[in-house]
Amino acid sequence: MLLCANEEDAAAALELSDDLLEDLALDLHREKTEIRSFDLGFKFLGALFVGDSIFLPFANHKEPAATPTLPSPLDLRTYLELKAATDTPCRPSTSPSRTRSSERPATA
């Protein structure tokens, strides 16, 4: 689907598309290709486009997803108090299983 501002631009875009597809050894099916306007309407991938409306097939219609609700934000002091109460200090591990082989002490 190519969207253009007017019929002349659409005709030029169609010719350019045909040339580009030909360079790729692909064919544009002219019997399936037409220039249409939103005012007259057209169907694409099962949806009907008419004017500024889009009509979806009933079987494919889905209710919009519910807007997620988020908890209210914490003020900085409450956040830091909760973080201090739940976090343990994070220190790099020095056990041999966690160090790189190049950093392990040599054994004799």
N, C-alpha and C. Protein backbone atom coordinates (compact mmCIF):
# COMPACT_ATOMS: atom_id res chain seq x y z
N MET A 1 0.84 -1.15 0.00
CA MET A 1 0.00 0.00 0.00
C MET A 1 0.90 1.23 0.00
N LEU A 2 0.60 2.13 -0.89
CA LEU A 2 1.29 3.41 -0.96
C LEU A 2 0.28 4.50 -0.66
N LEU A 3 0.62 5.43 0.20
CA LEU A 3 -0.27 6.53 0.53
C LEU A 3 0.31 7.80 -0.07
N CYS A 4 -0.51 8.51 -0.84
CA CYS A 4 -0.07 9.73 -1.51
C CYS A 4 -1.11 10.82 -1.31
N ALA A 5 -0.67 12.06 -1.51
CA ALA A 5 -1.54 13.21 -1.29
C ALA A 5 -2.56 13.39 -2.40
N ASN A 6 -2.22 13.00 -3.64
CA ASN A 6 -3.17 13.19 -4.75
C ASN A 6 -2.98 12.08 -5.77
N GLU A 7 -3.88 12.05 -6.75
CA GLU A 7 -3.87 10.97 -7.73
C GLU A 7 -2.64 11.00 -8.63
N GLU A 8 -2.13 12.18 -8.95
CA GLU A 8 -0.94 12.28 -9.79
C GLU A 8 0.27 11.68 -9.07
N ASP A 9 0.43 12.01 -7.79
CA ASP A 9 1.53 11.43 -7.01
C ASP A 9 1.37 9.92 -6.89
N ALA A 10 0.14 9.46 -6.75
CA ALA A 10 -0.11 8.02 -6.64
C ALA A 10 0.27 7.31 -7.93
N ALA A 11 -0.05 7.90 -9.08
CA ALA A 11 0.30 7.29 -10.37
C ALA A 11 1.82 7.23 -10.53
N ALA A 12 2.51 8.29 -10.14
CA ALA A 12 3.98 8.30 -10.23
C ALA A 12 4.58 7.27 -9.27
N ALA A 13 4.02 7.17 -8.06
CA ALA A 13 4.52 6.19 -7.10
C ALA A 13 4.28 4.76 -7.59
N LEU A 14 3.16 4.54 -8.25
CA LEU A 14 2.86 3.22 -8.80
C LEU A 14 3.88 2.84 -9.88
N GLU A 15 4.20 3.77 -10.77
CA GLU A 15 5.18 3.50 -11.82
C GLU A 15 6.57 3.25 -11.23
N LEU A 16 6.95 4.05 -10.24
CA LEU A 16 8.25 3.86 -9.59
C LEU A 16 8.30 2.51 -8.89
N SER A 17 7.23 2.14 -8.21
CA SER A 17 7.18 0.84 -7.53
C SER A 17 7.30 -0.30 -8.53
N ASP A 18 6.61 -0.16 -9.67
CA ASP A 18 6.68 -1.18 -10.71
C ASP A 18 8.11 -1.32 -11.23
N ASP A 19 8.80 -0.19 -11.44
CA ASP A 19 10.19 -0.24 -11.92
C ASP A 19 11.11 -0.88 -10.88
N LEU A 20 10.94 -0.50 -9.61
CA LEU A 20 11.79 -1.06 -8.56
C LEU A 20 11.56 -2.56 -8.40
N LEU A 21 10.31 -2.99 -8.46
CA LEU A 21 10.02 -4.42 -8.35
C LEU A 21 10.60 -5.18 -9.54
N GLU A 22 10.53 -4.58 -10.72
CA GLU A 22 11.09 -5.22 -11.92
C GLU A 22 12.59 -5.41 -11.77
N ASP A 23 13.29 -4.43 -11.18
CA ASP A 23 14.73 -4.55 -10.95
C ASP A 23 15.04 -5.71 -10.00
N LEU A 24 14.09 -6.07 -9.16
CA LEU A 24 14.26 -7.18 -8.22
C LEU A 24 13.69 -8.49 -8.75
N ALA A 25 13.35 -8.49 -10.03
CA ALA A 25 12.76 -9.66 -10.71
C ALA A 25 11.43 -10.06 -10.07
N LEU A 26 10.65 -9.04 -9.67
CA LEU A 26 9.32 -9.26 -9.12
C LEU A 26 8.30 -8.56 -10.00
N ASP A 27 7.08 -9.07 -9.98
CA ASP A 27 6.03 -8.49 -10.81
C ASP A 27 4.95 -7.86 -9.96
N LEU A 28 4.43 -6.74 -10.44
CA LEU A 28 3.29 -6.08 -9.82
C LEU A 28 2.06 -6.58 -10.55
N HIS A 29 1.11 -7.16 -9.84
CA HIS A 29 -0.12 -7.67 -10.46
C HIS A 29 -1.04 -6.49 -10.75
N ARG A 30 -1.01 -6.01 -11.98
CA ARG A 30 -1.80 -4.83 -12.36
C ARG A 30 -3.30 -5.07 -12.22
N GLU A 31 -3.74 -6.32 -12.39
CA GLU A 31 -5.17 -6.59 -12.26
C GLU A 31 -5.65 -6.49 -10.80
N LYS A 32 -4.73 -6.58 -9.86
CA LYS A 32 -5.06 -6.45 -8.43
C LYS A 32 -4.70 -5.06 -7.90
N THR A 33 -4.07 -4.24 -8.74
CA THR A 33 -3.56 -2.95 -8.29
C THR A 33 -4.45 -1.83 -8.81
N GLU A 34 -4.83 -0.95 -7.91
CA GLU A 34 -5.62 0.20 -8.33
C GLU A 34 -5.35 1.39 -7.42
N ILE A 35 -5.61 2.55 -7.94
CA ILE A 35 -5.48 3.78 -7.17
C ILE A 35 -6.85 4.13 -6.62
N ARG A 36 -6.93 4.22 -5.30
CA ARG A 36 -8.20 4.50 -4.62
C ARG A 36 -8.00 5.67 -3.67
N SER A 37 -9.13 6.28 -3.31
CA SER A 37 -9.06 7.38 -2.35
C SER A 37 -9.76 6.96 -1.07
N PHE A 38 -9.42 7.63 0.02
CA PHE A 38 -10.09 7.37 1.28
C PHE A 38 -11.56 7.75 1.18
N ASP A 39 -11.88 8.76 0.37
CA ASP A 39 -13.27 9.17 0.22
C ASP A 39 -14.12 8.07 -0.38
N LEU A 40 -13.60 7.37 -1.39
CA LEU A 40 -14.33 6.26 -2.00
C LEU A 40 -14.24 5.00 -1.17
N GLY A 41 -13.19 4.88 -0.39
CA GLY A 41 -13.00 3.73 0.48
C GLY A 41 -12.27 2.59 -0.21
N PHE A 42 -11.67 1.74 0.61
CA PHE A 42 -10.99 0.56 0.10
C PHE A 42 -10.83 -0.43 1.24
N LYS A 43 -10.61 -1.67 0.86
CA LYS A 43 -10.40 -2.73 1.85
C LYS A 43 -8.95 -3.17 1.80
N PHE A 44 -8.32 -3.30 2.98
CA PHE A 44 -6.93 -3.73 3.05
C PHE A 44 -6.76 -4.60 4.28
N LEU A 45 -6.25 -5.82 4.08
CA LEU A 45 -6.04 -6.79 5.16
C LEU A 45 -7.29 -6.96 6.03
N GLY A 46 -8.45 -7.00 5.38
CA GLY A 46 -9.70 -7.26 6.08
C GLY A 46 -10.36 -6.05 6.68
N ALA A 47 -9.67 -4.93 6.74
CA ALA A 47 -10.25 -3.71 7.31
C ALA A 47 -10.76 -2.84 6.17
N LEU A 48 -11.89 -2.18 6.41
CA LEU A 48 -12.46 -1.27 5.44
C LEU A 48 -12.14 0.16 5.85
N PHE A 49 -11.48 0.90 4.97
CA PHE A 49 -11.10 2.28 5.21
C PHE A 49 -12.03 3.17 4.39
N VAL A 50 -12.80 4.04 5.06
CA VAL A 50 -13.70 4.96 4.38
C VAL A 50 -13.60 6.31 5.08
N GLY A 51 -13.19 7.33 4.32
CA GLY A 51 -13.04 8.65 4.91
C GLY A 51 -12.02 8.61 6.02
N ASP A 52 -12.41 9.05 7.21
CA ASP A 52 -11.50 8.99 8.35
C ASP A 52 -11.87 7.86 9.31
N SER A 53 -12.63 6.87 8.81
CA SER A 53 -13.06 5.73 9.64
C SER A 53 -12.39 4.45 9.18
N ILE A 54 -12.21 3.55 10.13
CA ILE A 54 -11.69 2.22 9.85
C ILE A 54 -12.67 1.22 10.46
N PHE A 55 -13.19 0.31 9.64
CA PHE A 55 -14.11 -0.71 10.11
C PHE A 55 -13.41 -2.06 10.08
N LEU A 56 -13.35 -2.70 11.24
CA LEU A 56 -12.69 -4.00 11.36
C LEU A 56 -13.73 -5.10 11.28
N PRO A 57 -13.35 -6.27 10.75
CA PRO A 57 -14.29 -7.39 10.73
C PRO A 57 -14.70 -7.76 12.15
N PHE A 58 -15.94 -8.15 12.33
CA PHE A 58 -16.47 -8.46 13.66
C PHE A 58 -15.66 -9.56 14.34
N ALA A 59 -15.26 -10.59 13.60
CA ALA A 59 -14.54 -11.72 14.20
C ALA A 59 -13.18 -11.29 14.75
N ASN A 60 -12.59 -10.27 14.15
CA ASN A 60 -11.26 -9.84 14.58
C ASN A 60 -11.29 -8.70 15.59
N HIS A 61 -12.49 -8.21 15.88
CA HIS A 61 -12.58 -7.06 16.78
C HIS A 61 -12.23 -7.48 18.20
N LYS A 62 -11.35 -6.73 18.81
CA LYS A 62 -10.96 -7.00 20.19
C LYS A 62 -11.22 -5.76 21.01
N GLU A 63 -11.65 -5.96 22.22
CA GLU A 63 -11.85 -4.83 23.13
C GLU A 63 -10.49 -4.22 23.45
N PRO A 64 -10.43 -2.91 23.57
CA PRO A 64 -9.14 -2.31 23.93
C PRO A 64 -8.69 -2.80 25.30
N ALA A 65 -7.39 -2.94 25.44
CA ALA A 65 -6.83 -3.42 26.70
C ALA A 65 -7.07 -2.38 27.79
N ALA A 66 -7.26 -2.85 28.99
CA ALA A 66 -7.48 -1.95 30.11
C ALA A 66 -6.21 -1.15 30.38
N THR A 67 -6.39 0.07 30.76
CA THR A 67 -5.25 0.91 31.11
C THR A 67 -4.67 0.42 32.43
N PRO A 68 -3.38 0.14 32.45
CA PRO A 68 -2.80 -0.36 33.70
C PRO A 68 -2.84 0.72 34.78
N THR A 69 -3.05 0.27 35.99
CA THR A 69 -3.03 1.21 37.11
C THR A 69 -1.72 1.01 37.86
N LEU A 70 -1.10 2.09 38.19
CA LEU A 70 0.18 2.04 38.88
C LEU A 70 0.00 2.54 40.31
N PRO A 71 0.78 2.01 41.23
CA PRO A 71 0.69 2.51 42.60
C PRO A 71 1.17 3.96 42.64
N SER A 72 0.70 4.67 43.63
CA SER A 72 1.12 6.06 43.74
C SER A 72 2.62 6.12 44.05
N PRO A 73 3.30 7.13 43.54
CA PRO A 73 4.74 7.22 43.76
C PRO A 73 5.05 7.53 45.23
N LEU A 74 6.19 7.05 45.67
CA LEU A 74 6.64 7.31 47.04
C LEU A 74 7.48 8.58 47.05
N ASP A 75 7.44 9.27 48.17
CA ASP A 75 8.35 10.40 48.28
C ASP A 75 9.75 9.83 48.55
N LEU A 76 10.75 10.62 48.31
CA LEU A 76 12.14 10.15 48.39
C LEU A 76 12.48 9.60 49.77
N ARG A 77 12.05 10.25 50.84
CA ARG A 77 12.37 9.79 52.20
C ARG A 77 11.78 8.40 52.44
N THR A 78 10.49 8.19 52.08
CA THR A 78 9.86 6.88 52.28
C THR A 78 10.58 5.81 51.46
N TYR A 79 10.94 6.15 50.21
CA TYR A 79 11.65 5.21 49.35
C TYR A 79 12.97 4.78 49.98
N LEU A 80 13.74 5.76 50.44
CA LEU A 80 15.04 5.44 51.04
C LEU A 80 14.89 4.64 52.32
N GLU A 81 13.88 4.92 53.13
CA GLU A 81 13.65 4.14 54.36
C GLU A 81 13.29 2.69 54.02
N LEU A 82 12.41 2.50 53.01
CA LEU A 82 12.05 1.14 52.60
C LEU A 82 13.26 0.42 52.00
N LYS A 83 14.04 1.11 51.21
CA LYS A 83 15.22 0.51 50.59
C LYS A 83 16.22 0.09 51.66
N ALA A 84 16.45 0.93 52.66
CA ALA A 84 17.39 0.62 53.73
C ALA A 84 16.90 -0.57 54.55
N ALA A 85 15.60 -0.70 54.73
CA ALA A 85 15.05 -1.79 55.53
C ALA A 85 15.09 -3.12 54.79
N THR A 86 15.07 -3.11 53.45
CA THR A 86 14.98 -4.36 52.70
C THR A 86 16.27 -4.75 52.00
N ASP A 87 17.15 -3.81 51.73
CA ASP A 87 18.38 -4.11 51.00
C ASP A 87 19.49 -4.54 51.95
N THR A 88 20.33 -5.46 51.45
CA THR A 88 21.55 -5.80 52.16
C THR A 88 22.69 -5.18 51.36
N PRO A 89 23.75 -4.82 52.02
CA PRO A 89 24.86 -4.22 51.28
C PRO A 89 25.35 -5.16 50.19
N CYS A 90 25.62 -4.62 49.05
CA CYS A 90 26.08 -5.42 47.92
C CYS A 90 27.59 -5.25 47.80
N ARG A 91 28.32 -6.33 48.02
CA ARG A 91 29.78 -6.31 47.90
C ARG A 91 30.19 -7.32 46.85
N PRO A 92 31.20 -7.03 46.09
CA PRO A 92 31.66 -8.01 45.10
C PRO A 92 32.13 -9.28 45.78
N SER A 93 31.82 -10.38 45.17
CA SER A 93 32.22 -11.67 45.71
C SER A 93 33.70 -11.91 45.44
N THR A 94 34.38 -12.51 46.41
CA THR A 94 35.80 -12.81 46.21
C THR A 94 36.05 -14.31 46.22
N SER A 95 34.97 -15.09 46.21
CA SER A 95 35.17 -16.54 46.21
C SER A 95 35.73 -16.97 44.87
N PRO A 96 36.54 -18.06 44.84
CA PRO A 96 37.17 -18.49 43.59
C PRO A 96 36.16 -18.81 42.49
N SER A 97 34.97 -19.28 42.84
CA SER A 97 34.00 -19.64 41.81
C SER A 97 33.44 -18.41 41.12
N ARG A 98 33.55 -17.24 41.73
CA ARG A 98 33.00 -16.01 41.16
C ARG A 98 34.04 -15.13 40.48
N THR A 99 35.33 -15.46 40.64
CA THR A 99 36.37 -14.63 40.03
C THR A 99 36.76 -15.21 38.69
N ARG A 100 37.28 -14.36 37.83
CA ARG A 100 37.75 -14.83 36.53
C ARG A 100 38.99 -15.67 36.71
N SER A 101 39.23 -16.56 35.77
CA SER A 101 40.39 -17.44 35.89
C SER A 101 41.68 -16.64 35.90
N SER A 102 41.71 -15.51 35.18
CA SER A 102 42.93 -14.70 35.16
C SER A 102 43.15 -13.99 36.50
N GLU A 103 42.10 -13.88 37.34
CA GLU A 103 42.21 -13.20 38.61
C GLU A 103 42.42 -14.18 39.78
N ARG A 104 42.29 -15.47 39.51
CA ARG A 104 42.44 -16.46 40.58
C ARG A 104 43.89 -16.56 41.00
N PRO A 105 44.11 -16.76 42.31
CA PRO A 105 45.49 -16.91 42.77
C PRO A 105 46.12 -18.20 42.23
N ALA A 106 47.38 -18.11 41.90
CA ALA A 106 48.08 -19.29 41.38
C ALA A 106 48.32 -20.27 42.51
N THR A 107 48.14 -21.55 42.21
CA THR A 107 48.39 -22.59 43.21
C THR A 107 49.66 -23.33 42.83
N ALA A 108 50.40 -23.75 43.85
CA ALA A 108 51.66 -24.45 43.59
C ALA A 108 51.51 -25.93 43.76
